[in-house]
Amino acid sequence: MKRLILSSLALLMAASLLTSCSTWDRRDTGTLAGGVIGGVAGNLVSGGSAVGTGIGAVGGAIVGNQLAK
């Protein structure tokens, strides 16, 4: 239950950050969104491991950056 609450909170924070950054271009937004989604996915897959969360965030940011080209 705690993990679900933390994941939901992270997604809400990311959504509010994305809407508040109107001067960012599409690539910046894609990088941030990919990093957040990857971090949450890495956290869930690794069972809450900080290393898994970090790897997911970095991988997601790279993928988000490349997809937003």
PDB file of N, CA and C in Angstrom:
ATOM      1  N   MET A   1       0.820  -1.191   0.000  1.00  0.00           N
ATOM      2  CA  MET A   1       0.000   0.000   0.000  1.00  0.00           C
ATOM      3  C   MET A   1       0.868   1.259   0.000  1.00  0.00           C
ATOM      4  N   LYS A   2       1.951   1.221   0.767  1.00  0.00           N
ATOM      5  CA  LYS A   2       2.838   2.381   0.845  1.00  0.00           C
ATOM      6  C   LYS A   2       3.477   2.659  -0.511  1.00  0.00           C
ATOM      7  N   ARG A   3       3.847   1.603  -1.212  1.00  0.00           N
ATOM      8  CA  ARG A   3       4.489   1.761  -2.512  1.00  0.00           C
ATOM      9  C   ARG A   3       3.514   2.373  -3.517  1.00  0.00           C
ATOM     10  N   LEU A   4       2.255   1.969  -3.470  1.00  0.00           N
ATOM     11  CA  LEU A   4       1.242   2.519  -4.361  1.00  0.00           C
ATOM     12  C   LEU A   4       1.034   4.006  -4.108  1.00  0.00           C
ATOM     13  N   ILE A   5       1.013   4.390  -2.847  1.00  0.00           N
ATOM     14  CA  ILE A   5       0.838   5.805  -2.498  1.00  0.00           C
ATOM     15  C   ILE A   5       2.034   6.623  -2.983  1.00  0.00           C
ATOM     16  N   LEU A   6       3.234   6.112  -2.774  1.00  0.00           N
ATOM     17  CA  LEU A   6       4.430   6.839  -3.218  1.00  0.00           C
ATOM     18  C   LEU A   6       4.488   6.945  -4.735  1.00  0.00           C
ATOM     19  N   SER A   7       4.126   5.877  -5.428  1.00  0.00           N
ATOM     20  CA  SER A   7       4.127   5.909  -6.889  1.00  0.00           C
ATOM     21  C   SER A   7       3.095   6.899  -7.405  1.00  0.00           C
ATOM     22  N   SER A   8       1.922   6.909  -6.807  1.00  0.00           N
ATOM     23  CA  SER A   8       0.881   7.853  -7.214  1.00  0.00           C
ATOM     24  C   SER A   8       1.311   9.291  -6.958  1.00  0.00           C
ATOM     25  N   LEU A   9       1.942   9.513  -5.836  1.00  0.00           N
ATOM     26  CA  LEU A   9       2.426  10.855  -5.511  1.00  0.00           C
ATOM     27  C   LEU A   9       3.484  11.309  -6.508  1.00  0.00           C
ATOM     28  N   ALA A  10       4.381  10.407  -6.894  1.00  0.00           N
ATOM     29  CA  ALA A  10       5.413  10.751  -7.874  1.00  0.00           C
ATOM     30  C   ALA A  10       4.793  11.110  -9.222  1.00  0.00           C
ATOM     31  N   LEU A  11       3.785  10.363  -9.631  1.00  0.00           N
ATOM     32  CA  LEU A  11       3.124  10.666 -10.900  1.00  0.00           C
ATOM     33  C   LEU A  11       2.384  12.005 -10.855  1.00  0.00           C
ATOM     34  N   LEU A  12       1.738  12.300  -9.740  1.00  0.00           N
ATOM     35  CA  LEU A  12       1.052  13.588  -9.611  1.00  0.00           C
ATOM     36  C   LEU A  12       2.031  14.753  -9.628  1.00  0.00           C
ATOM     37  N   MET A  13       3.166  14.580  -8.965  1.00  0.00           N
ATOM     38  CA  MET A  13       4.176  15.635  -8.960  1.00  0.00           C
ATOM     39  C   MET A  13       4.727  15.847 -10.365  1.00  0.00           C
ATOM     40  N   ALA A  14       4.961  14.762 -11.087  1.00  0.00           N
ATOM     41  CA  ALA A  14       5.477  14.888 -12.444  1.00  0.00           C
ATOM     42  C   ALA A  14       4.468  15.568 -13.356  1.00  0.00           C
ATOM     43  N   ALA A  15       3.210  15.222 -13.211  1.00  0.00           N
ATOM     44  CA  ALA A  15       2.176  15.848 -14.034  1.00  0.00           C
ATOM     45  C   ALA A  15       2.090  17.346 -13.766  1.00  0.00           C
ATOM     46  N   SER A  16       2.180  17.737 -12.510  1.00  0.00           N
ATOM     47  CA  SER A  16       2.120  19.167 -12.203  1.00  0.00           C
ATOM     48  C   SER A  16       3.360  19.892 -12.715  1.00  0.00           C
ATOM     49  N   LEU A  17       4.506  19.223 -12.681  1.00  0.00           N
ATOM     50  CA  LEU A  17       5.731  19.825 -13.204  1.00  0.00           C
ATOM     51  C   LEU A  17       5.643  19.990 -14.716  1.00  0.00           C
ATOM     52  N   LEU A  18       5.099  18.990 -15.386  1.00  0.00           N
ATOM     53  CA  LEU A  18       4.983  19.072 -16.839  1.00  0.00           C
ATOM     54  C   LEU A  18       4.056  20.198 -17.274  1.00  0.00           C
ATOM     55  N   THR A  19       2.997  20.422 -16.551  1.00  0.00           N
ATOM     56  CA  THR A  19       2.065  21.478 -16.940  1.00  0.00           C
ATOM     57  C   THR A  19       2.579  22.867 -16.586  1.00  0.00           C
ATOM     58  N   SER A  20       3.475  22.962 -15.628  1.00  0.00           N
ATOM     59  CA  SER A  20       3.963  24.275 -15.215  1.00  0.00           C
ATOM     60  C   SER A  20       5.140  24.766 -16.048  1.00  0.00           C
ATOM     61  N   CYS A  21       5.737  23.919 -16.822  1.00  0.00           N
ATOM     62  CA  CYS A  21       6.928  24.291 -17.597  1.00  0.00           C
ATOM     63  C   CYS A  21       6.549  24.603 -19.036  1.00  0.00           C
ATOM     64  N   SER A  22       5.995  25.750 -19.255  1.00  0.00           N
ATOM     65  CA  SER A  22       5.502  26.095 -20.589  1.00  0.00           C
ATOM     66  C   SER A  22       6.616  26.497 -21.544  1.00  0.00           C
ATOM     67  N   THR A  23       7.789  26.816 -21.048  1.00  0.00           N
ATOM     68  CA  THR A  23       8.873  27.223 -21.935  1.00  0.00           C
ATOM     69  C   THR A  23       9.728  26.039 -22.390  1.00  0.00           C
ATOM     70  N   TRP A  24       9.431  24.876 -21.896  1.00  0.00           N
ATOM     71  CA  TRP A  24      10.203  23.704 -22.313  1.00  0.00           C
ATOM     72  C   TRP A  24       9.781  23.290 -23.704  1.00  0.00           C
ATOM     73  N   ASP A  25      10.736  22.756 -24.449  1.00  0.00           N
ATOM     74  CA  ASP A  25      10.367  22.236 -25.749  1.00  0.00           C
ATOM     75  C   ASP A  25       9.918  20.774 -25.612  1.00  0.00           C
ATOM     76  N   ARG A  26       9.529  20.202 -26.705  1.00  0.00           N
ATOM     77  CA  ARG A  26       8.976  18.845 -26.694  1.00  0.00           C
ATOM     78  C   ARG A  26       9.991  17.821 -26.206  1.00  0.00           C
ATOM     79  N   ARG A  27      11.232  18.022 -26.546  1.00  0.00           N
ATOM     80  CA  ARG A  27      12.271  17.061 -26.159  1.00  0.00           C
ATOM     81  C   ARG A  27      12.510  17.070 -24.652  1.00  0.00           C
ATOM     82  N   ASP A  28      12.530  18.245 -24.040  1.00  0.00           N
ATOM     83  CA  ASP A  28      12.692  18.341 -22.589  1.00  0.00           C
ATOM     84  C   ASP A  28      11.543  17.649 -21.866  1.00  0.00           C
ATOM     85  N   THR A  29      10.341  17.891 -22.353  1.00  0.00           N
ATOM     86  CA  THR A  29       9.169  17.279 -21.748  1.00  0.00           C
ATOM     87  C   THR A  29       9.207  15.765 -21.898  1.00  0.00           C
ATOM     88  N   GLY A  30       9.618  15.283 -23.062  1.00  0.00           N
ATOM     89  CA  GLY A  30       9.731  13.842 -23.287  1.00  0.00           C
ATOM     90  C   GLY A  30      10.769  13.201 -22.386  1.00  0.00           C
ATOM     91  N   THR A  31      11.871  13.908 -22.172  1.00  0.00           N
ATOM     92  CA  THR A  31      12.917  13.393 -21.289  1.00  0.00           C
ATOM     93  C   THR A  31      12.414  13.285 -19.857  1.00  0.00           C
ATOM     94  N   LEU A  32      11.751  14.317 -19.393  1.00  0.00           N
ATOM     95  CA  LEU A  32      11.218  14.293 -18.031  1.00  0.00           C
ATOM     96  C   LEU A  32      10.157  13.218 -17.861  1.00  0.00           C
ATOM     97  N   ALA A  33       9.226  13.158 -18.791  1.00  0.00           N
ATOM     98  CA  ALA A  33       8.150  12.166 -18.690  1.00  0.00           C
ATOM     99  C   ALA A  33       8.715  10.751 -18.741  1.00  0.00           C
ATOM    100  N   GLY A  34       9.658  10.512 -19.631  1.00  0.00           N
ATOM    101  CA  GLY A  34      10.280   9.193 -19.717  1.00  0.00           C
ATOM    102  C   GLY A  34      11.023   8.828 -18.446  1.00  0.00           C
ATOM    103  N   GLY A  35      11.694   9.803 -17.862  1.00  0.00           N
ATOM    104  CA  GLY A  35      12.420   9.554 -16.614  1.00  0.00           C
ATOM    105  C   GLY A  35      11.497   9.200 -15.464  1.00  0.00           C
ATOM    106  N   VAL A  36      10.388   9.904 -15.380  1.00  0.00           N
ATOM    107  CA  VAL A  36       9.428   9.629 -14.302  1.00  0.00           C
ATOM    108  C   VAL A  36       8.784   8.264 -14.493  1.00  0.00           C
ATOM    109  N   ILE A  37       8.325   7.994 -15.697  1.00  0.00           N
ATOM    110  CA  ILE A  37       7.675   6.713 -15.957  1.00  0.00           C
ATOM    111  C   ILE A  37       8.669   5.566 -15.777  1.00  0.00           C
ATOM    112  N   GLY A  38       9.887   5.750 -16.259  1.00  0.00           N
ATOM    113  CA  GLY A  38      10.911   4.719 -16.085  1.00  0.00           C
ATOM    114  C   GLY A  38      11.279   4.503 -14.629  1.00  0.00           C
ATOM    115  N   GLY A  39      11.349   5.576 -13.866  1.00  0.00           N
ATOM    116  CA  GLY A  39      11.660   5.460 -12.444  1.00  0.00           C
ATOM    117  C   GLY A  39      10.591   4.710 -11.684  1.00  0.00           C
ATOM    118  N   VAL A  40       9.339   5.017 -11.981  1.00  0.00           N
ATOM    119  CA  VAL A  40       8.231   4.318 -11.321  1.00  0.00           C
ATOM    120  C   VAL A  40       8.223   2.851 -11.730  1.00  0.00           C
ATOM    121  N   ALA A  41       8.415   2.589 -13.014  1.00  0.00           N
ATOM    122  CA  ALA A  41       8.446   1.203 -13.482  1.00  0.00           C
ATOM    123  C   ALA A  41       9.623   0.440 -12.873  1.00  0.00           C
ATOM    124  N   GLY A  42      10.791   1.068 -12.816  1.00  0.00           N
ATOM    125  CA  GLY A  42      11.952   0.425 -12.212  1.00  0.00           C
ATOM    126  C   GLY A  42      11.755   0.136 -10.746  1.00  0.00           C
ATOM    127  N   ASN A  43      11.075   1.041 -10.051  1.00  0.00           N
ATOM    128  CA  ASN A  43      10.775   0.843  -8.642  1.00  0.00           C
ATOM    129  C   ASN A  43       9.846  -0.343  -8.445  1.00  0.00           C
ATOM    130  N   LEU A  44       8.820  -0.431  -9.267  1.00  0.00           N
ATOM    131  CA  LEU A  44       7.863  -1.520  -9.137  1.00  0.00           C
ATOM    132  C   LEU A  44       8.473  -2.863  -9.514  1.00  0.00           C
ATOM    133  N   VAL A  45       9.282  -2.886 -10.558  1.00  0.00           N
ATOM    134  CA  VAL A  45       9.889  -4.143 -11.006  1.00  0.00           C
ATOM    135  C   VAL A  45      10.930  -4.643 -10.016  1.00  0.00           C
ATOM    136  N   SER A  46      11.700  -3.732  -9.443  1.00  0.00           N
ATOM    137  CA  SER A  46      12.790  -4.138  -8.549  1.00  0.00           C
ATOM    138  C   SER A  46      12.343  -4.282  -7.103  1.00  0.00           C
ATOM    139  N   GLY A  47      11.080  -4.081  -6.827  1.00  0.00           N
ATOM    140  CA  GLY A  47      10.594  -4.227  -5.463  1.00  0.00           C
ATOM    141  C   GLY A  47      11.002  -3.087  -4.546  1.00  0.00           C
ATOM    142  N   GLY A  48      11.200  -1.906  -5.085  1.00  0.00           N
ATOM    143  CA  GLY A  48      11.529  -0.737  -4.272  1.00  0.00           C
ATOM    144  C   GLY A  48      13.015  -0.459  -4.135  1.00  0.00           C
ATOM    145  N   SER A  49      13.830  -1.152  -4.889  1.00  0.00           N
ATOM    146  CA  SER A  49      15.278  -0.946  -4.832  1.00  0.00           C
ATOM    147  C   SER A  49      15.649   0.420  -5.419  1.00  0.00           C
ATOM    148  N   ALA A  50      16.548   1.113  -4.739  1.00  0.00           N
ATOM    149  CA  ALA A  50      16.996   2.417  -5.230  1.00  0.00           C
ATOM    150  C   ALA A  50      17.768   2.272  -6.542  1.00  0.00           C
ATOM    151  N   VAL A  51      18.532   1.211  -6.666  1.00  0.00           N
ATOM    152  CA  VAL A  51      19.302   0.981  -7.892  1.00  0.00           C
ATOM    153  C   VAL A  51      18.352   0.726  -9.062  1.00  0.00           C
ATOM    154  N   GLY A  52      17.337  -0.105  -8.838  1.00  0.00           N
ATOM    155  CA  GLY A  52      16.361  -0.382  -9.883  1.00  0.00           C
ATOM    156  C   GLY A  52      15.600   0.860 -10.297  1.00  0.00           C
ATOM    157  N   THR A  53      15.264   1.700  -9.334  1.00  0.00           N
ATOM    158  CA  THR A  53      14.564   2.953  -9.625  1.00  0.00           C
ATOM    159  C   THR A  53      15.454   3.875 -10.453  1.00  0.00           C
ATOM    160  N   GLY A  54      16.711   3.974 -10.071  1.00  0.00           N
ATOM    161  CA  GLY A  54      17.648   4.832 -10.805  1.00  0.00           C
ATOM    162  C   GLY A  54      17.889   4.360 -12.223  1.00  0.00           C
ATOM    163  N   ILE A  55      18.058   3.057 -12.391  1.00  0.00           N
ATOM    164  CA  ILE A  55      18.275   2.511 -13.734  1.00  0.00           C
ATOM    165  C   ILE A  55      17.039   2.736 -14.596  1.00  0.00           C
ATOM    166  N   GLY A  56      15.862   2.520 -14.018  1.00  0.00           N
ATOM    167  CA  GLY A  56      14.630   2.766 -14.765  1.00  0.00           C
ATOM    168  C   GLY A  56      14.479   4.220 -15.155  1.00  0.00           C
ATOM    169  N   ALA A  57      14.824   5.121 -14.249  1.00  0.00           N
ATOM    170  CA  ALA A  57      14.703   6.556 -14.535  1.00  0.00           C
ATOM    171  C   ALA A  57      15.651   6.987 -15.645  1.00  0.00           C
ATOM    172  N   VAL A  58      16.881   6.516 -15.587  1.00  0.00           N
ATOM    173  CA  VAL A  58      17.855   6.889 -16.622  1.00  0.00           C
ATOM    174  C   VAL A  58      17.452   6.296 -17.969  1.00  0.00           C
ATOM    175  N   GLY A  59      17.074   5.028 -17.958  1.00  0.00           N
ATOM    176  CA  GLY A  59      16.644   4.396 -19.209  1.00  0.00           C
ATOM    177  C   GLY A  59      15.408   5.068 -19.784  1.00  0.00           C
ATOM    178  N   GLY A  60      14.454   5.390 -18.938  1.00  0.00           N
ATOM    179  CA  GLY A  60      13.240   6.054 -19.395  1.00  0.00           C
ATOM    180  C   GLY A  60      13.519   7.439 -19.947  1.00  0.00           C
ATOM    181  N   ALA A  61      14.442   8.164 -19.313  1.00  0.00           N
ATOM    182  CA  ALA A  61      14.796   9.505 -19.792  1.00  0.00           C
ATOM    183  C   ALA A  61      15.440   9.444 -21.166  1.00  0.00           C
ATOM    184  N   ILE A  62      16.278   8.451 -21.377  1.00  0.00           N
ATOM    185  CA  ILE A  62      16.936   8.305 -22.697  1.00  0.00           C
ATOM    186  C   ILE A  62      15.901   7.978 -23.762  1.00  0.00           C
ATOM    187  N   VAL A  63      15.020   7.037 -23.441  1.00  0.00           N
ATOM    188  CA  VAL A  63      13.988   6.652 -24.409  1.00  0.00           C
ATOM    189  C   VAL A  63      13.044   7.830 -24.684  1.00  0.00           C
ATOM    190  N   GLY A  64      12.620   8.530 -23.636  1.00  0.00           N
ATOM    191  CA  GLY A  64      11.738   9.682 -23.808  1.00  0.00           C
ATOM    192  C   GLY A  64      12.372  10.781 -24.641  1.00  0.00           C
ATOM    193  N   ASN A  65      13.652  10.995 -24.442  1.00  0.00           N
ATOM    194  CA  ASN A  65      14.378  12.011 -25.203  1.00  0.00           C
ATOM    195  C   ASN A  65      14.430  11.639 -26.685  1.00  0.00           C
ATOM    196  N   GLN A  66      14.716  10.385 -26.970  1.00  0.00           N
ATOM    197  CA  GLN A  66      14.839   9.956 -28.353  1.00  0.00           C
ATOM    198  C   GLN A  66      13.496   9.904 -29.082  1.00  0.00           C
ATOM    199  N   LEU A  67      12.440   9.530 -28.355  1.00  0.00           N
ATOM    200  CA  LEU A  67      11.123   9.476 -28.979  1.00  0.00           C
ATOM    201  C   LEU A  67      10.560  10.853 -29.265  1.00  0.00           C
ATOM    202  N   ALA A  68      11.012  11.864 -28.545  1.00  0.00           N
ATOM    203  CA  ALA A  68      10.487  13.217 -28.728  1.00  0.00           C
ATOM    204  C   ALA A  68      11.237  14.010 -29.786  1.00  0.00           C
ATOM    205  N   LYS A  69      12.145  13.400 -30.493  1.00  0.00           N
ATOM    206  CA  LYS A  69      12.899  14.114 -31.525  1.00  0.00           C
ATOM    207  C   LYS A  69      11.987  14.660 -32.593  1.00  0.00           C
TER     208      LYS A  69
END
